Amino acid sequence: MRILIISIFSLIFNVLFSQEKVSASFVLIDDATNIELESCLLKIQGKTVEEKINNYYSKDTIYLSDISIEEKITIQASIDGYSPRNETIELSDFKRSIKKSKHIEIKLLFKYDGQSFLEFDVNAEQKPKVIFSSDTISVSDFKIIDENNLILLTYPKRLQKSSEVVWFQDGTIKSRIDSPVEALELISDYKQNIYLNCKGRTFKINTNNGLKLREVNTQDLENNILPILDTLEDNQVYFSNYNEWYPAFDYFMVTRTDTQYTKVRHLEDTEMMEHYRAEYKWADVRTKLWAWDMEAESGIDREIWVGANVFTNSIYYEKPYSPMFLVNEELVLFDLYKDLLCRIDAYNCEVFDSIPIQFHVDSRKTNWEREIIQDPITKKIYALYDHVGNTALREINHETGELSNEIPLFYRYTEHVTVYDNKIYYIYRPFESMQKKYLYVQDLDLVSGG
């Protein structure tokens, strides 16, 4: 009998106080927007555990070894710009999952405390100006013709339902016209012609004699006009064979008096290309047979057919990105796959300087948005950053590759950030506000202390 009692107590003790290995992760969420946040400073404390992670990324897995299911642990988490979290978690609430060795996931909601993560103040004098506002329509997209003339794509409630193109001149609406079909966005070519891109159709926007829309051949535009990046002295033409569904592309130059192309540079994401081509190995028999037929018909490698149609639809595919800009008589090319900023003679396309760069490496930690933009007037080049909705620009010195200090945008969660003649234009609407989306302008020189 005594042995039986001891056995029963031993069993109860083992059930209640047995040591387990817990696999857990924390999802970092902005409480107001429900947007997943990037990373935090995380501390985990309990009777048998103490962990501190200076840069914990949302959903990363943490293993807590030899911990009792009945233990309470304290979670302390902090993110710049948010109120810190201090929460007690009882592991017994997850007893069933822990016993089955299942991974547990815990949400941590962060409330924005109104403080910017950037280490300088933005005073009232730096507050951006409203360029366009309306009580009835929101701005979805915009293109700048010049400082006094803008083309806006607007909508009253939903862009998909109804939209109109607005010619905004010197602070007033000069002309407006309804979109013929469902509008998507505004696009522009190297000559700064502006187009309304719609579902299945494209229209060139003309402001010569009032606002007019003229339909153009979408395929001709995409194949012959949009690939052109810029021209020099109206003789040298720079273009690319970029395709978002293929992880490599080339830049070319051609003169109007010659039909022979000069290759400026080949860009390739070698790691992505390896996975892209490897997709063929795991394809089913029917897909492989289809790829063989397509190769015989087109001459394009069957691995590319499978990669373009299968791998590009996976979460692992990332479109290639290595932009090139014309600055005076020099091509500035960011070969992000070889970590180089290449300075190229715009006339003969020879590289005369290659500068190592690192600002694009590990963008998840640096918050670089994988976007580089150019001011078409000053020709200055900027890298775009975003941290929990706080957007900032950093000028890239095209001669040294060095970055300037961060230039913050006044508002959070801005859209379509554009730099024009030392001014920053963007669309913004306060969160949970009845206000429509307005177009703002912020003086770049004033913000950066220039």
Protein backbone atom coordinates (compact mmCIF):
# COMPACT_ATOMS: atom_id res chain seq x y z
CA MET A 1 0.00 0.00 0.00
CA ARG A 2 2.79 2.40 0.91
CA ILE A 3 4.53 1.64 -2.36
CA LEU A 4 1.29 2.31 -4.23
CA ILE A 5 0.86 5.71 -2.52
CA ILE A 6 4.43 6.66 -3.28
CA SER A 7 3.94 5.66 -6.91
CA ILE A 8 0.78 7.73 -7.17
CA PHE A 9 2.49 10.81 -5.68
CA SER A 10 5.47 10.29 -7.99
CA LEU A 11 3.15 10.16 -10.97
CA ILE A 12 1.36 13.35 -9.90
CA PHE A 13 4.70 15.08 -9.33
CA ASN A 14 5.97 14.07 -12.75
CA VAL A 15 2.79 15.29 -14.44
CA LEU A 16 2.76 18.61 -12.61
CA PHE A 17 6.43 19.41 -12.42
CA SER A 18 8.01 17.50 -15.30
CA GLN A 19 10.61 19.44 -17.27
CA GLU A 20 9.77 20.13 -20.89
CA LYS A 21 11.37 21.67 -23.97
CA VAL A 22 9.12 24.45 -25.26
CA SER A 23 9.23 25.74 -28.85
CA ALA A 24 7.68 29.22 -29.01
CA SER A 25 7.59 32.34 -31.14
CA PHE A 26 6.18 35.83 -30.69
CA VAL A 27 4.27 37.75 -33.34
CA LEU A 28 4.87 41.49 -33.04
CA ILE A 29 1.76 43.45 -34.06
CA ASP A 30 0.96 47.16 -34.30
CA ASP A 31 -2.21 47.40 -32.20
CA ALA A 32 -3.72 50.22 -34.27
CA THR A 33 -3.06 48.99 -37.81
CA ASN A 34 -2.74 45.22 -37.21
CA ILE A 35 0.48 45.35 -39.27
CA GLU A 36 3.24 42.94 -38.31
CA LEU A 37 6.26 44.75 -36.90
CA GLU A 38 9.86 43.90 -37.71
CA SER A 39 11.80 43.31 -34.48
CA CYS A 40 12.05 44.17 -30.80
CA LEU A 41 14.25 43.96 -27.72
CA LEU A 42 13.01 40.85 -25.91
CA LYS A 43 13.55 39.59 -22.37
CA ILE A 44 12.13 36.34 -21.01
CA GLN A 45 12.35 35.62 -17.27
CA GLY A 46 11.14 32.79 -15.08
CA LYS A 47 12.28 30.56 -12.23
CA THR A 48 14.35 28.35 -14.52
CA VAL A 49 14.79 30.53 -17.58
CA GLU A 50 16.33 33.88 -18.43
CA GLU A 51 16.77 35.00 -22.03
CA LYS A 52 17.65 38.36 -23.56
CA ILE A 53 17.61 38.97 -27.31
CA ASN A 54 18.66 42.44 -28.46
CA ASN A 55 17.16 42.04 -31.93
CA TYR A 56 14.35 39.49 -31.88
CA TYR A 57 12.55 39.23 -35.24
CA SER A 58 8.82 38.59 -35.34
CA LYS A 59 7.92 34.87 -35.54
CA ASP A 60 11.50 33.70 -34.92
CA THR A 61 11.52 30.45 -32.94
CA ILE A 62 12.87 30.34 -29.37
CA TYR A 63 13.55 27.10 -27.51
CA LEU A 64 13.11 27.02 -23.72
CA SER A 65 14.69 23.85 -22.36
CA ASP A 66 14.00 22.03 -19.09
CA ILE A 67 11.13 24.23 -18.03
CA SER A 68 8.10 23.26 -15.95
CA ILE A 69 4.67 23.45 -17.55
CA GLU A 70 3.37 25.07 -14.38
CA GLU A 71 5.92 27.87 -14.54
CA LYS A 72 5.00 31.48 -15.16
CA ILE A 73 7.27 33.51 -17.41
CA THR A 74 7.50 37.28 -17.78
CA ILE A 75 7.85 38.75 -21.24
CA GLN A 76 9.37 42.22 -21.60
CA ALA A 77 9.45 43.64 -25.13
CA SER A 78 10.26 47.10 -26.43
CA ILE A 79 10.24 48.75 -29.87
CA ASP A 80 11.29 52.31 -30.69
CA GLY A 81 8.20 54.48 -31.04
CA TYR A 82 5.94 52.09 -29.08
CA SER A 83 4.99 51.67 -25.45
CA PRO A 84 6.93 48.75 -23.91
CA ARG A 85 5.15 45.46 -23.20
CA ASN A 86 5.38 43.65 -19.87
CA GLU A 87 3.29 40.51 -19.81
CA THR A 88 3.08 37.38 -17.65
CA ILE A 89 2.35 34.12 -19.44
CA GLU A 90 1.27 30.89 -17.76
CA LEU A 91 2.66 27.93 -19.66
CA SER A 92 -0.15 25.78 -18.28
CA ASP A 93 -2.46 27.55 -20.74
CA PHE A 94 -0.52 25.78 -23.49
CA LYS A 95 -0.17 22.44 -21.68
CA ARG A 96 -1.78 20.35 -24.39
CA SER A 97 0.41 21.80 -27.17
CA ILE A 98 3.58 21.49 -25.07
CA LYS A 99 2.84 17.87 -24.20
CA LYS A 100 2.39 17.07 -27.88
CA SER A 101 5.65 18.93 -28.67
CA LYS A 102 3.71 21.42 -30.76
CA HIS A 103 5.02 24.89 -31.49
CA ILE A 104 3.20 27.68 -29.63
CA GLU A 105 2.72 31.19 -31.00
CA ILE A 106 1.97 34.24 -28.86
CA LYS A 107 0.84 37.65 -30.13
CA LEU A 108 2.33 40.79 -28.61
CA LEU A 109 0.34 43.95 -29.39
CA PHE A 110 2.24 47.25 -29.34
CA LYS A 111 0.64 50.67 -29.01
CA TYR A 112 2.28 53.57 -30.81
CA ASP A 113 3.34 56.18 -28.23
CA GLY A 114 3.61 59.08 -30.67
CA GLN A 115 7.40 59.29 -30.48
CA SER A 116 9.44 59.05 -33.66
CA PHE A 117 12.27 56.54 -33.86
CA LEU A 118 14.43 59.15 -35.55
CA GLU A 119 16.83 61.02 -33.31
CA PHE A 120 15.86 64.60 -34.07
CA ASP A 121 12.85 66.84 -33.67
CA VAL A 122 10.54 67.95 -36.41
CA ASN A 123 9.12 71.32 -35.46
CA ALA A 124 6.01 73.07 -36.68
CA GLU A 125 7.93 75.00 -39.35
CA GLN A 126 8.87 71.72 -41.01
CA LYS A 127 5.30 70.46 -41.18
CA PRO A 128 4.45 69.57 -44.79
CA LYS A 129 2.01 71.61 -46.83
CA VAL A 130 -1.19 70.23 -48.29
CA ILE A 131 -1.10 70.51 -52.09
CA PHE A 132 -4.44 68.90 -52.85
CA SER A 133 -7.32 68.16 -50.47
CA SER A 134 -10.98 67.36 -50.93
CA ASP A 135 -13.96 66.41 -48.80
CA THR A 136 -15.31 64.09 -51.51
CA ILE A 137 -12.37 62.44 -53.32
CA SER A 138 -9.08 60.80 -52.32
CA VAL A 139 -5.79 60.83 -54.20
CA SER A 140 -4.71 57.33 -55.24
CA ASP A 141 -1.69 58.25 -57.39
CA PHE A 142 0.00 61.30 -58.90
CA LYS A 143 2.60 62.38 -61.45
CA ILE A 144 4.42 65.70 -61.57
CA ILE A 145 4.57 67.58 -64.88
CA ASP A 146 6.30 70.56 -63.30
CA GLU A 147 6.09 72.49 -60.03
CA ASN A 148 2.77 74.08 -61.05
CA ASN A 149 1.13 71.17 -62.88
CA LEU A 150 0.25 67.72 -61.56
CA ILE A 151 -1.85 64.84 -62.81
CA LEU A 152 -3.86 63.10 -60.06
CA LEU A 153 -5.72 59.80 -60.08
CA THR A 154 -8.63 60.21 -57.66
CA TYR A 155 -11.67 58.28 -56.46
CA PRO A 156 -14.69 59.02 -54.21
CA LYS A 157 -14.98 55.70 -52.31
CA ARG A 158 -13.18 52.84 -54.08
CA LEU A 159 -10.71 53.07 -56.95
CA GLN A 160 -12.11 49.87 -58.48
CA LYS A 161 -15.64 51.25 -58.63
CA SER A 162 -15.12 54.73 -60.05
CA SER A 163 -12.18 57.06 -60.58
CA GLU A 164 -11.20 60.17 -62.46
CA VAL A 165 -8.07 61.87 -63.75
CA VAL A 166 -7.54 65.41 -62.49
CA TRP A 167 -5.31 68.09 -63.99
CA PHE A 168 -4.27 70.22 -61.02
CA GLN A 169 -2.67 73.53 -61.96
CA ASP A 170 -1.50 76.35 -59.66
CA GLY A 171 -3.59 75.15 -56.74
CA THR A 172 -6.86 74.65 -58.63
CA ILE A 173 -8.49 71.90 -60.67
CA LYS A 174 -8.08 72.96 -64.29
CA SER A 175 -9.76 69.91 -65.82
CA ARG A 176 -11.03 66.45 -64.88
CA ILE A 177 -12.21 63.38 -66.75
CA ASP A 178 -13.68 60.03 -65.73
CA SER A 179 -11.64 56.87 -66.25
CA PRO A 180 -13.23 54.84 -69.09
CA VAL A 181 -12.59 51.51 -67.33
CA GLU A 182 -11.26 50.32 -63.97
CA ALA A 183 -8.12 52.35 -63.25
CA LEU A 184 -5.01 50.88 -61.62
CA GLU A 185 -2.26 53.51 -61.57
CA LEU A 186 -0.46 56.32 -63.36
CA ILE A 187 2.77 55.51 -65.20
CA SER A 188 5.27 57.66 -67.12
CA ASP A 189 7.90 57.07 -69.79
CA TYR A 190 11.41 58.51 -70.29
CA LYS A 191 9.98 61.60 -72.02
CA GLN A 192 7.74 62.22 -68.99
CA ASN A 193 4.61 61.37 -70.95
CA ILE A 194 1.96 60.22 -68.48
CA TYR A 195 -0.37 57.25 -68.98
CA LEU A 196 -3.43 55.95 -67.18
CA ASN A 197 -2.94 52.23 -66.69
CA CYS A 198 -6.29 50.47 -66.50
CA LYS A 199 -7.43 46.89 -66.31
CA GLY A 200 -6.64 45.54 -69.78
CA ARG A 201 -6.22 48.99 -71.41
CA THR A 202 -3.85 51.97 -71.33
CA PHE A 203 -4.52 55.64 -72.12
CA LYS A 204 -2.07 58.46 -72.79
CA ILE A 205 -2.96 61.61 -70.87
CA ASN A 206 -2.83 64.79 -72.95
CA THR A 207 -2.98 68.32 -71.54
CA ASN A 208 -2.36 70.34 -74.71
CA ASN A 209 -5.94 71.49 -75.30
CA GLY A 210 -7.66 70.46 -72.11
CA LEU A 211 -7.44 67.08 -70.42
CA LYS A 212 -7.89 64.20 -72.87
CA LEU A 213 -7.32 60.44 -72.83
CA ARG A 214 -6.10 58.65 -75.95
CA GLU A 215 -5.91 54.87 -75.93
CA VAL A 216 -2.54 53.36 -76.87
CA ASN A 217 -1.45 49.82 -77.63
CA THR A 218 -0.46 48.41 -74.23
CA GLN A 219 1.87 45.78 -75.66
CA ASP A 220 3.73 48.31 -77.84
CA LEU A 221 4.09 50.63 -74.86
CA GLU A 222 5.46 47.86 -72.62
CA ASN A 223 7.79 46.43 -75.25
CA ASN A 224 9.10 49.55 -77.01
CA ILE A 225 8.68 52.63 -74.81
CA LEU A 226 8.75 51.77 -71.10
CA PRO A 227 12.05 49.77 -71.29
CA ILE A 228 13.84 53.04 -72.26
CA LEU A 229 15.36 54.60 -69.14
CA ASP A 230 16.80 57.85 -70.46
CA THR A 231 18.56 59.54 -73.36
CA LEU A 232 21.68 61.71 -73.66
CA GLU A 233 21.79 64.59 -76.16
CA ASP A 234 18.80 62.94 -77.82
CA ASN A 235 21.26 60.55 -79.49
CA GLN A 236 22.31 57.90 -76.97
CA VAL A 237 19.37 55.80 -75.78
CA TYR A 238 19.63 53.62 -72.66
CA PHE A 239 17.23 50.73 -72.15
CA SER A 240 16.95 47.31 -70.52
CA ASN A 241 15.43 43.91 -71.26
CA TYR A 242 14.16 43.67 -67.68
CA ASN A 243 11.40 41.16 -66.98
CA GLU A 244 10.09 40.79 -63.44
CA TRP A 245 9.58 37.06 -63.98
CA TYR A 246 13.28 36.35 -64.67
CA PRO A 247 16.10 36.92 -62.09
CA ALA A 248 18.57 38.46 -64.58
CA PHE A 249 18.58 41.27 -67.11
CA ASP A 250 20.87 43.56 -69.13
CA TYR A 251 21.28 47.28 -69.69
CA PHE A 252 22.04 48.44 -73.25
CA MET A 253 22.90 51.61 -75.13
CA VAL A 254 22.13 52.35 -78.76
CA THR A 255 22.66 55.48 -80.81
CA ARG A 256 19.94 56.74 -83.13
CA THR A 257 22.37 56.66 -86.05
CA ASP A 258 23.38 53.04 -85.46
CA THR A 259 21.35 49.87 -85.03
CA GLN A 260 24.04 47.98 -83.13
CA TYR A 261 23.53 47.66 -79.37
CA THR A 262 26.25 48.17 -76.79
CA LYS A 263 25.77 46.13 -73.64
CA VAL A 264 26.28 48.30 -70.56
CA ARG A 265 26.16 45.51 -67.95
CA HIS A 266 24.61 42.15 -67.15
CA LEU A 267 22.86 41.88 -63.76
CA GLU A 268 21.94 38.54 -62.21
CA ASP A 269 20.72 37.31 -58.86
CA THR A 270 22.76 34.10 -58.93
CA GLU A 271 21.22 32.61 -55.79
CA MET A 272 17.69 33.23 -57.06
CA MET A 273 18.63 31.88 -60.47
CA GLU A 274 19.83 28.62 -58.91
CA HIS A 275 16.47 28.07 -57.19
CA TYR A 276 14.65 29.28 -60.32
CA ARG A 277 16.21 26.61 -62.52
CA ALA A 278 16.08 23.91 -59.84
CA GLU A 279 12.27 24.10 -59.82
CA TYR A 280 12.28 21.92 -62.93
CA LYS A 281 13.73 19.00 -60.95
CA TRP A 282 10.70 18.89 -58.62
CA ALA A 283 8.03 19.44 -61.26
CA ASP A 284 5.51 16.70 -61.99
CA VAL A 285 5.66 14.71 -65.24
CA ARG A 286 2.91 16.68 -66.95
CA THR A 287 4.66 19.99 -66.26
CA LYS A 288 7.99 18.62 -67.52
CA LEU A 289 6.38 17.40 -70.75
CA TRP A 290 4.78 20.81 -71.23
CA ALA A 291 8.17 22.48 -70.65
CA TRP A 292 9.79 20.20 -73.24
CA ASP A 293 7.13 21.21 -75.78
CA MET A 294 7.60 24.90 -75.03
CA GLU A 295 11.39 24.58 -75.39
CA ALA A 296 10.99 22.91 -78.78
CA GLU A 297 8.55 25.59 -79.90
CA SER A 298 10.38 28.68 -78.62
CA GLY A 299 14.02 27.67 -78.18
CA ILE A 300 13.89 28.89 -74.56
CA ASP A 301 15.31 26.47 -71.97
CA ARG A 302 12.66 24.23 -70.35
CA GLU A 303 14.02 25.08 -66.90
CA ILE A 304 13.20 28.72 -67.55
CA TRP A 305 9.64 27.86 -68.58
CA VAL A 306 9.05 26.00 -65.33
CA GLY A 307 10.80 28.67 -63.26
CA ALA A 308 8.75 31.47 -64.80
CA ASN A 309 5.43 29.68 -64.39
CA VAL A 310 5.94 27.89 -61.07
CA PHE A 311 8.78 29.32 -58.97
CA THR A 312 7.78 32.96 -59.52
CA ASN A 313 4.42 32.21 -57.86
CA SER A 314 6.09 30.99 -54.68
CA ILE A 315 6.83 33.10 -51.59
CA TYR A 316 10.56 32.57 -52.17
CA TYR A 317 10.81 34.45 -55.46
CA GLU A 318 12.07 38.02 -55.39
CA LYS A 319 12.00 40.21 -58.48
CA PRO A 320 15.42 41.44 -59.64
CA TYR A 321 16.38 44.98 -58.69
CA SER A 322 19.51 46.86 -59.74
CA PRO A 323 18.61 50.37 -60.93
CA MET A 324 20.62 52.64 -63.20
CA PHE A 325 20.42 56.45 -63.45
CA LEU A 326 21.83 59.06 -65.80
CA VAL A 327 23.66 61.84 -63.93
CA ASN A 328 25.00 64.48 -66.35
CA GLU A 329 27.31 62.48 -68.68
CA GLU A 330 27.65 59.52 -66.36
CA LEU A 331 25.64 56.36 -65.81
CA VAL A 332 25.31 55.42 -62.13
CA LEU A 333 24.48 51.73 -61.86
CA PHE A 334 23.78 49.92 -58.60
CA ASP A 335 24.95 46.33 -59.11
CA LEU A 336 23.37 45.12 -55.88
CA TYR A 337 24.25 41.48 -56.61
CA LYS A 338 27.97 42.24 -56.64
CA ASP A 339 27.77 44.95 -53.94
CA LEU A 340 29.09 47.62 -56.30
CA LEU A 341 28.15 51.12 -57.37
CA CYS A 342 29.44 51.38 -60.94
CA ARG A 343 30.24 54.72 -62.54
CA ILE A 344 30.07 54.37 -66.30
CA ASP A 345 30.97 56.73 -69.13
CA ALA A 346 27.64 57.51 -70.77
CA TYR A 347 29.20 57.78 -74.25
CA ASN A 348 31.28 54.61 -74.56
CA CYS A 349 29.64 52.63 -71.70
CA GLU A 350 32.99 51.76 -70.09
CA VAL A 351 33.15 51.40 -66.30
CA PHE A 352 35.69 53.87 -64.92
CA ASP A 353 35.00 53.36 -61.19
CA SER A 354 33.53 50.56 -59.04
CA ILE A 355 32.75 51.46 -55.44
CA PRO A 356 31.90 48.81 -52.80
CA ILE A 357 28.49 49.42 -51.17
CA GLN A 358 26.72 47.71 -48.27
CA PHE A 359 23.55 49.72 -47.58
CA HIS A 360 21.40 47.14 -49.40
CA VAL A 361 22.71 44.11 -47.48
CA ASP A 362 20.26 42.54 -45.00
CA SER A 363 17.47 45.03 -45.64
CA ARG A 364 15.39 43.37 -42.93
CA LYS A 365 17.73 44.81 -40.31
CA THR A 366 18.50 48.14 -41.99
CA ASN A 367 14.83 48.77 -42.99
CA TRP A 368 15.83 49.65 -46.56
CA GLU A 369 12.68 49.39 -48.69
CA ARG A 370 14.51 47.97 -51.74
CA GLU A 371 13.88 51.21 -53.56
CA ILE A 372 16.21 53.90 -54.91
CA ILE A 373 14.72 57.07 -56.40
CA GLN A 374 16.13 60.04 -58.30
CA ASP A 375 15.17 63.69 -58.28
CA PRO A 376 14.68 64.40 -62.03
CA ILE A 377 15.64 68.06 -61.60
CA THR A 378 18.68 67.98 -59.29
CA LYS A 379 19.68 64.42 -60.36
CA LYS A 380 20.34 63.52 -56.70
CA ILE A 381 19.75 59.88 -55.74
CA TYR A 382 18.06 58.65 -52.57
CA ALA A 383 17.57 55.32 -50.79
CA LEU A 384 14.15 54.83 -49.20
CA TYR A 385 13.82 53.42 -45.67
CA ASP A 386 10.80 52.44 -43.59
CA HIS A 387 10.63 51.42 -39.94
CA VAL A 388 7.16 50.59 -38.52
CA GLY A 389 5.60 53.13 -40.86
CA ASN A 390 8.19 55.86 -40.32
CA THR A 391 9.63 56.66 -43.75
CA ALA A 392 13.02 58.29 -44.27
CA LEU A 393 15.30 59.11 -47.19
CA ARG A 394 19.09 58.99 -47.31
CA GLU A 395 20.96 60.66 -50.14
CA ILE A 396 23.52 58.44 -51.88
CA ASN A 397 26.71 60.17 -52.97
CA HIS A 398 27.15 58.71 -56.44
CA GLU A 399 30.89 59.44 -56.39
CA THR A 400 31.70 57.75 -53.07
CA GLY A 401 28.72 55.49 -52.34
CA GLU A 402 28.33 57.11 -48.90
CA LEU A 403 24.91 57.80 -47.42
CA SER A 404 23.76 61.03 -45.76
CA ASN A 405 21.89 61.22 -42.47
CA GLU A 406 18.25 60.16 -42.48
CA ILE A 407 15.73 62.67 -43.79
CA PRO A 408 12.40 61.82 -42.11
CA LEU A 409 8.92 62.27 -43.47
CA PHE A 410 6.65 64.11 -41.05
CA TYR A 411 3.78 61.60 -41.21
CA ARG A 412 3.68 57.81 -40.80
CA TYR A 413 2.41 55.33 -43.39
CA THR A 414 2.83 57.58 -46.41
CA GLU A 415 2.32 56.43 -49.99
CA HIS A 416 4.02 57.09 -53.36
CA VAL A 417 7.03 58.98 -52.02
CA THR A 418 8.49 61.12 -54.84
CA VAL A 419 11.36 63.62 -54.86
CA TYR A 420 11.13 66.56 -57.26
CA ASP A 421 13.34 69.67 -57.21
CA ASN A 422 14.44 69.21 -53.58
CA LYS A 423 10.89 68.60 -52.37
CA ILE A 424 9.29 65.39 -51.15
CA TYR A 425 5.76 64.65 -52.39
CA TYR A 426 3.56 61.93 -50.91
CA ILE A 427 -0.01 60.83 -50.20
CA TYR A 428 -1.23 60.58 -46.61
CA ARG A 429 -4.38 60.13 -44.58
CA PRO A 430 -4.44 60.03 -40.74
CA PHE A 431 -5.24 56.54 -39.46
CA GLU A 432 -8.87 55.96 -38.45
CA SER A 433 -9.75 59.43 -39.73
CA MET A 434 -12.69 60.49 -41.90
CA GLN A 435 -10.27 62.63 -43.89
CA LYS A 436 -9.75 61.66 -47.52
CA LYS A 437 -6.25 60.94 -48.83
CA TYR A 438 -4.46 64.26 -49.41
CA LEU A 439 -1.35 65.09 -51.41
CA TYR A 440 1.43 66.72 -49.36
CA VAL A 441 4.78 68.35 -50.10
CA GLN A 442 7.69 68.61 -47.67
CA ASP A 443 10.77 70.78 -48.24
CA LEU A 444 13.75 68.45 -48.38
CA ASP A 445 16.40 71.12 -47.75
CA LEU A 446 14.60 72.37 -44.65
CA VAL A 447 14.17 68.87 -43.20
CA SER A 448 17.75 67.81 -43.83
CA GLY A 449 19.12 71.02 -42.43
CA GLY A 450 20.51 72.04 -45.81
